[in-house]
Amino acid sequence: MRENAKIGVIILAAGSSSRLGYPKQIVEFRGKSLLQHSIEVAKSLKFDTRILVLGAKAKEIEKKIDCRNFDIVYNQNWEEGIGTSISKGISEALKIKNDLNHILMLLSDQPFITKEKIQELIRVQLNTNKPATFSKYANNIGVPAIFSRQLFSNLKNLKGDQGAKKLLFDKIFEYGTVKFENGNFDVDTAVDVALLKQMEEE
């Protein structure tokens, strides 16, 4: 499936979870934290680099996860928004391996991401040779997403609250999509946590 492509993965986990009041990265679902789940999904596949971007309450989070085989990047500017985490993650990944062909991005609070869904994203990206392949859910597109090398400089230049979707509006380019059921469910509030606990029992 991967042919000779060199692929890195970045998990974005630097946010402060301000609406929740404590780090959503360590909210538990089915016996493990949300961030640990993302880490284990990434570990289950062969990536050429693995980057974890931490920011708010980094040390507290780090004590509660097993992030062996990941290079940790501490984003001191996490308050400025997700764009700074993407930029730092891309820069660090390329420092470690500057010949990466693609970089996959994951979030720390999507409990229903699976190894199979990541494999599908990679497969579509490699088979179509498009600049990017996004997940599609609830009439929206977003992460997890995988980006080809031609977009790395654009991603490194993101600032503030600009996420990777900004690329769609800055320039016209074709991109692929993979349907991700429940991909729109993330954890931002106490209500979300309560819903997650209900799902755990289903």
Protein backbone atom coordinates (compact mmCIF):
# COMPACT_ATOMS: atom_id res chain seq x y z
CA MET A 1 0.00 0.00 0.00
CA ARG A 2 2.70 2.46 0.94
CA GLU A 3 5.10 1.64 -1.86
CA ASN A 4 8.26 3.62 -1.05
CA ALA A 5 6.51 6.69 0.35
CA LYS A 6 7.97 8.17 3.54
CA ILE A 7 5.16 9.23 5.86
CA GLY A 8 5.25 11.04 9.18
CA VAL A 9 2.48 11.48 11.73
CA ILE A 10 1.76 14.43 14.02
CA ILE A 11 -0.66 14.31 16.96
CA LEU A 12 -1.89 17.77 17.93
CA ALA A 13 -2.53 17.89 21.68
CA ALA A 14 -1.50 21.38 22.81
CA GLY A 15 -4.88 23.01 23.53
CA SER A 16 -5.98 24.15 26.98
CA SER A 17 -9.49 22.60 26.99
CA SER A 18 -10.75 25.91 28.38
CA ARG A 19 -14.43 25.04 27.98
CA LEU A 20 -13.98 21.72 29.78
CA GLY A 21 -11.88 23.06 32.66
CA TYR A 22 -9.29 20.25 32.67
CA PRO A 23 -7.22 18.56 29.94
CA LYS A 24 -9.48 16.71 27.55
CA GLN A 25 -6.40 14.81 26.42
CA ILE A 26 -6.68 12.68 29.57
CA VAL A 27 -10.46 12.11 29.51
CA GLU A 28 -10.90 8.34 29.63
CA PHE A 29 -12.91 6.25 27.19
CA ARG A 30 -12.99 2.46 27.22
CA GLY A 31 -10.12 2.15 29.66
CA LYS A 32 -7.64 4.65 28.22
CA SER A 33 -7.29 8.37 27.75
CA LEU A 34 -8.31 9.97 24.47
CA LEU A 35 -4.72 10.99 23.77
CA GLN A 36 -3.42 7.52 24.57
CA HIS A 37 -5.91 6.11 22.08
CA SER A 38 -4.58 8.41 19.34
CA ILE A 39 -1.02 7.47 20.28
CA GLU A 40 -1.77 3.75 20.08
CA VAL A 41 -3.49 4.10 16.72
CA ALA A 42 -0.41 5.91 15.41
CA LYS A 43 1.92 3.32 16.95
CA SER A 44 0.05 0.50 15.25
CA LEU A 45 1.21 1.71 11.83
CA LYS A 46 4.68 2.09 10.43
CA PHE A 47 5.47 5.81 10.20
CA ASP A 48 8.88 7.25 9.45
CA THR A 49 8.51 9.92 12.14
CA ARG A 50 6.07 10.29 15.03
CA ILE A 51 5.58 13.72 16.59
CA LEU A 52 3.43 14.64 19.60
CA VAL A 53 2.77 18.36 20.08
CA LEU A 54 2.00 19.35 23.68
CA GLY A 55 1.37 22.80 25.10
CA ALA A 56 -1.03 23.63 27.93
CA LYS A 57 -0.41 21.51 31.03
CA ALA A 58 2.15 19.52 29.08
CA LYS A 59 3.91 17.99 32.07
CA GLU A 60 0.65 16.91 33.70
CA ILE A 61 -0.46 15.23 30.48
CA GLU A 62 2.92 13.66 29.81
CA LYS A 63 2.91 11.92 33.19
CA LYS A 64 -0.36 10.17 32.33
CA ILE A 65 0.47 8.80 28.89
CA ASP A 66 2.90 6.36 27.35
CA CYS A 67 4.44 8.24 24.45
CA ARG A 68 7.49 6.09 23.81
CA ASN A 69 8.54 6.10 20.15
CA PHE A 70 7.29 9.67 19.80
CA ASP A 71 9.33 12.85 19.65
CA ILE A 72 7.63 15.44 21.83
CA VAL A 73 7.43 19.06 20.74
CA TYR A 74 6.47 21.64 23.35
CA ASN A 75 4.55 24.52 21.84
CA GLN A 76 5.17 27.48 24.11
CA ASN A 77 2.82 29.57 21.96
CA TRP A 78 -0.16 27.24 22.25
CA GLU A 79 -2.39 30.12 23.38
CA GLU A 80 -2.09 31.65 19.92
CA GLY A 81 -3.98 28.75 18.37
CA ILE A 82 -3.69 25.47 16.51
CA GLY A 83 -1.74 26.98 13.62
CA THR A 84 1.32 27.32 15.85
CA SER A 85 1.13 23.63 16.78
CA ILE A 86 0.86 22.56 13.16
CA SER A 87 3.81 24.75 12.22
CA LYS A 88 5.98 23.41 15.04
CA GLY A 89 5.01 19.82 14.34
CA ILE A 90 5.84 20.08 10.64
CA SER A 91 9.16 21.80 11.35
CA GLU A 92 10.20 19.15 13.88
CA ALA A 93 9.16 16.26 11.64
CA LEU A 94 11.30 17.63 8.81
CA LYS A 95 14.26 18.19 11.14
CA ILE A 96 14.15 14.51 12.00
CA LYS A 97 13.55 13.29 8.45
CA ASN A 98 13.75 15.94 5.77
CA ASP A 99 12.74 13.64 2.91
CA LEU A 100 9.20 12.89 4.08
CA ASN A 101 6.69 12.63 1.23
CA HIS A 102 3.54 12.95 3.33
CA ILE A 103 2.51 13.95 6.84
CA LEU A 104 -0.63 12.73 8.56
CA MET A 105 -2.27 14.83 11.29
CA LEU A 106 -4.34 13.47 14.15
CA LEU A 107 -6.13 15.17 17.04
CA SER A 108 -6.08 14.06 20.65
CA ASP A 109 -9.86 14.00 21.17
CA GLN A 110 -11.43 11.87 18.45
CA PRO A 111 -12.33 8.67 20.29
CA PHE A 112 -13.54 6.79 17.22
CA ILE A 113 -10.43 7.02 15.08
CA THR A 114 -9.11 3.58 14.10
CA LYS A 115 -6.08 2.04 12.47
CA GLU A 116 -8.27 1.01 9.54
CA LYS A 117 -9.46 4.58 8.96
CA ILE A 118 -5.88 5.86 8.94
CA GLN A 119 -4.90 3.12 6.50
CA GLU A 120 -7.76 4.18 4.24
CA LEU A 121 -6.63 7.82 4.31
CA ILE A 122 -3.10 6.80 3.41
CA ARG A 123 -4.30 4.48 0.66
CA VAL A 124 -6.46 7.15 -0.97
CA GLN A 125 -3.65 9.69 -0.73
CA LEU A 126 -1.12 7.41 -2.36
CA ASN A 127 -3.47 6.10 -5.03
CA THR A 128 -4.79 9.49 -6.13
CA ASN A 129 -1.56 11.45 -5.69
CA LYS A 130 -3.53 14.54 -4.63
CA PRO A 131 -2.04 17.29 -2.45
CA ALA A 132 -4.20 16.27 0.52
CA THR A 133 -6.81 13.80 1.70
CA PHE A 134 -9.23 14.87 4.44
CA SER A 135 -11.75 13.05 6.58
CA LYS A 136 -15.36 13.84 5.76
CA TYR A 137 -18.07 13.88 8.41
CA ALA A 138 -21.35 15.67 9.10
CA ASN A 139 -21.18 17.66 5.85
CA ASN A 140 -17.77 18.94 6.82
CA ILE A 141 -14.15 18.05 6.16
CA GLY A 142 -11.28 18.00 8.59
CA VAL A 143 -8.72 15.90 10.39
CA PRO A 144 -7.45 13.26 10.45
CA ALA A 145 -5.93 14.38 7.19
CA ILE A 146 -2.79 13.64 5.23
CA PHE A 147 -0.77 16.19 3.27
CA SER A 148 1.80 15.78 0.53
CA ARG A 149 5.19 17.46 0.55
CA GLN A 150 4.06 20.25 -1.77
CA LEU A 151 1.95 21.64 1.09
CA PHE A 152 4.56 21.45 3.86
CA SER A 153 5.65 25.08 3.45
CA ASN A 154 2.01 26.23 3.57
CA LEU A 155 1.48 24.29 6.79
CA LYS A 156 4.66 25.67 8.34
CA ASN A 157 3.40 29.18 7.68
CA LEU A 158 0.08 28.75 9.52
CA LYS A 159 -0.45 31.18 12.38
CA GLY A 160 -2.88 31.70 15.24
CA ASP A 161 -6.16 29.85 14.93
CA GLN A 162 -5.57 28.97 11.29
CA GLY A 163 -5.99 25.23 10.88
CA ALA A 164 -5.05 23.15 7.87
CA LYS A 165 -8.46 23.78 6.30
CA LYS A 166 -7.23 27.32 5.57
CA LEU A 167 -5.39 25.81 2.63
CA LEU A 168 -8.69 25.09 0.93
CA PHE A 169 -9.58 28.75 0.83
CA ASP A 170 -6.15 30.18 0.06
CA LYS A 171 -5.64 28.28 -3.16
CA ILE A 172 -7.62 26.07 -5.47
CA PHE A 173 -6.46 22.49 -5.47
CA GLU A 174 -8.02 19.07 -5.68
CA TYR A 175 -8.16 16.99 -2.54
CA GLY A 176 -9.47 13.59 -1.64
CA THR A 177 -11.87 12.65 1.13
CA VAL A 178 -12.54 9.56 3.22
CA LYS A 179 -15.81 9.15 5.07
CA PHE A 180 -15.30 8.99 8.83
CA GLU A 181 -18.48 8.17 10.72
CA ASN A 182 -18.52 9.79 14.17
CA GLY A 183 -15.48 11.83 13.18
CA ASN A 184 -17.33 14.98 14.12
CA PHE A 185 -17.56 13.84 17.74
CA ASP A 186 -14.85 15.44 19.82
CA VAL A 187 -14.66 16.47 23.45
CA ASP A 188 -14.92 20.15 24.32
CA THR A 189 -17.40 20.38 27.19
CA ALA A 190 -18.71 18.46 30.20
CA VAL A 191 -21.77 17.56 28.10
CA ASP A 192 -19.47 15.92 25.55
CA VAL A 193 -17.79 13.91 28.31
CA ALA A 194 -21.19 12.75 29.59
CA LEU A 195 -22.19 11.68 26.07
CA LEU A 196 -18.91 9.83 25.72
CA LYS A 197 -19.54 7.92 28.92
CA GLN A 198 -22.98 6.92 27.62
CA MET A 199 -21.40 5.65 24.41
CA GLU A 200 -18.90 3.67 26.46
CA GLU A 201 -21.75 1.62 27.89
CA GLU A 202 -23.39 0.93 24.53
